[in-house]
Amino acid sequence: MVDKKGKNPDKEKEKEPEMKEFEWTPYAELRLLHAMYGLKPIGVSYHFLMLIIWEKFKETMGINVPLRVVKEKISTWYDLKAADEIFPDDDFSEEEFSLPIDEFPQVAAAEVSKPVEINSKKRKH
């Protein structure tokens, strides 16, 4: 069923109510720092790591704090854009990989029968 504004009222009811304002206490800040321990939410994995931090924080606090609130708090502590420039995404460099021939002889036999391709295009950074 759709109302006059084109919205489904049943879906609107299913959404969890979002907190209007979250009050940051020293305890909440400490919980957030513990959730961030060992994680650097920068680079290609920014969104993934931010979700991990958010889930850990919500779990320890026992309430549903919006992701936006957590991101805003972290951005008051750290300049994440500057960190992106300082720490490049070197973890995702391309390297040649080959299986040990003595452990995978069937793969080695298949590789010998394949024509060799020369790839002159290199990845631009």
Protein backbone atom coordinates (compact mmCIF):
# COMPACT_ATOMS: atom_id res chain seq x y z
CA MET A 1 0.00 0.00 0.00
CA VAL A 2 1.32 3.45 -0.93
CA ASP A 3 0.16 6.74 0.62
CA LYS A 4 -0.34 10.11 -1.12
CA LYS A 5 3.38 10.95 -0.88
CA GLY A 6 4.34 7.71 -2.64
CA LYS A 7 5.79 6.10 0.49
CA ASN A 8 4.96 2.71 1.92
CA PRO A 9 3.77 3.33 5.52
CA ASP A 10 4.44 -0.29 6.51
CA LYS A 11 8.10 0.02 5.52
CA GLU A 12 8.39 3.29 7.44
CA LYS A 13 7.22 1.51 10.61
CA GLU A 14 9.82 -1.25 10.16
CA LYS A 15 12.77 1.17 10.29
CA GLU A 16 14.45 1.55 13.65
CA PRO A 17 14.07 5.04 15.06
CA GLU A 18 17.30 6.98 14.66
CA MET A 19 18.67 8.82 17.65
CA LYS A 20 18.28 12.57 17.32
CA GLU A 21 21.28 13.36 19.51
CA PHE A 22 23.92 11.15 21.09
CA GLU A 23 25.71 12.52 24.11
CA TRP A 24 29.40 11.65 24.10
CA THR A 25 30.52 10.80 27.61
CA PRO A 26 34.09 9.87 28.60
CA TYR A 27 32.87 6.25 28.89
CA ALA A 28 31.41 6.31 25.34
CA GLU A 29 34.63 7.83 23.98
CA LEU A 30 36.67 5.14 25.70
CA ARG A 31 34.41 2.43 24.23
CA LEU A 32 34.90 3.96 20.78
CA LEU A 33 38.67 4.01 21.20
CA HIS A 34 38.57 0.35 22.25
CA ALA A 35 36.49 -0.45 19.16
CA MET A 36 39.11 1.30 17.00
CA TYR A 37 42.06 -0.52 18.58
CA GLY A 38 44.34 -1.93 15.87
CA LEU A 39 42.25 -0.59 12.98
CA LYS A 40 43.13 2.28 10.64
CA PRO A 41 39.99 3.35 8.79
CA ILE A 42 41.82 4.86 5.82
CA GLY A 43 42.38 4.02 2.19
CA VAL A 44 40.48 1.43 0.21
CA SER A 45 39.29 -0.38 3.32
CA TYR A 46 37.88 2.80 4.97
CA HIS A 47 34.21 1.85 4.68
CA PHE A 48 34.76 -1.77 5.68
CA LEU A 49 36.82 -0.86 8.75
CA MET A 50 34.41 1.89 9.72
CA LEU A 51 31.59 -0.67 9.76
CA ILE A 52 33.66 -2.98 11.97
CA ILE A 53 34.38 -0.13 14.40
CA TRP A 54 30.70 0.87 14.41
CA GLU A 55 29.51 -2.69 15.10
CA LYS A 56 32.02 -3.15 17.94
CA PHE A 57 31.00 0.19 19.43
CA LYS A 58 27.26 -0.55 19.24
CA GLU A 59 27.83 -3.97 20.81
CA THR A 60 29.78 -2.61 23.78
CA MET A 61 27.42 0.31 24.33
CA GLY A 62 24.30 -1.82 24.02
CA ILE A 63 22.43 0.82 21.99
CA ASN A 64 21.96 1.56 18.29
CA VAL A 65 24.13 4.59 17.64
CA PRO A 66 23.94 5.84 14.02
CA LEU A 67 27.04 5.28 11.91
CA ARG A 68 27.03 8.98 11.02
CA VAL A 69 27.51 9.90 14.71
CA VAL A 70 30.48 7.55 15.06
CA LYS A 71 32.11 8.86 11.86
CA GLU A 72 31.65 12.46 13.00
CA LYS A 73 33.26 11.73 16.37
CA ILE A 74 36.25 9.98 14.81
CA SER A 75 36.69 12.89 12.38
CA THR A 76 36.98 15.28 15.34
CA TRP A 77 39.92 13.24 16.64
CA TYR A 78 41.69 12.42 13.37
CA ASP A 79 42.14 14.08 9.99
CA LEU A 80 41.34 11.00 7.91
CA LYS A 81 41.90 12.77 4.57
CA ALA A 82 45.46 13.66 5.58
CA ALA A 83 46.00 10.09 6.79
CA ASP A 84 44.96 8.82 3.34
CA GLU A 85 47.79 10.87 1.83
CA ILE A 86 50.35 9.75 4.41
CA PHE A 87 49.53 6.03 4.28
CA PRO A 88 49.16 4.94 0.64
CA ASP A 89 47.39 1.71 -0.26
CA ASP A 90 50.57 -0.37 -0.55
CA ASP A 91 48.84 -3.40 0.93
CA PHE A 92 47.05 -3.96 -2.36
CA SER A 93 50.00 -4.03 -4.75
CA GLU A 94 50.00 -6.64 -7.50
CA GLU A 95 52.65 -9.33 -7.24
CA GLU A 96 53.38 -12.34 -9.37
CA PHE A 97 52.26 -15.57 -7.72
CA SER A 98 53.05 -19.15 -8.62
CA LEU A 99 52.22 -22.46 -6.96
CA PRO A 100 55.05 -24.74 -5.82
CA ILE A 101 55.59 -27.17 -8.72
CA ASP A 102 56.48 -30.11 -6.47
CA GLU A 103 53.15 -29.82 -4.62
CA PHE A 104 50.96 -29.14 -7.69
CA PRO A 105 52.44 -31.04 -10.68
CA GLN A 106 49.10 -31.10 -12.57
CA VAL A 107 49.01 -27.27 -12.55
CA ALA A 108 52.60 -27.09 -13.76
CA ALA A 109 51.79 -29.44 -16.65
CA ALA A 110 48.83 -27.27 -17.66
CA GLU A 111 50.97 -24.11 -17.53
CA VAL A 112 53.59 -25.63 -19.85
CA SER A 113 50.97 -26.31 -22.52
CA LYS A 114 49.58 -22.72 -22.39
CA PRO A 115 51.04 -20.05 -24.70
CA VAL A 116 52.97 -17.35 -22.87
CA GLU A 117 51.28 -13.95 -22.76
CA ILE A 118 53.32 -10.79 -22.48
CA ASN A 119 51.51 -8.07 -20.59
CA SER A 120 53.06 -4.70 -21.37
CA LYS A 121 50.41 -2.68 -19.54
CA LYS A 122 51.36 -1.81 -16.00
CA ARG A 123 49.03 -0.66 -13.27
CA LYS A 124 49.04 3.10 -12.79
CA HIS A 125 49.11 4.45 -9.26
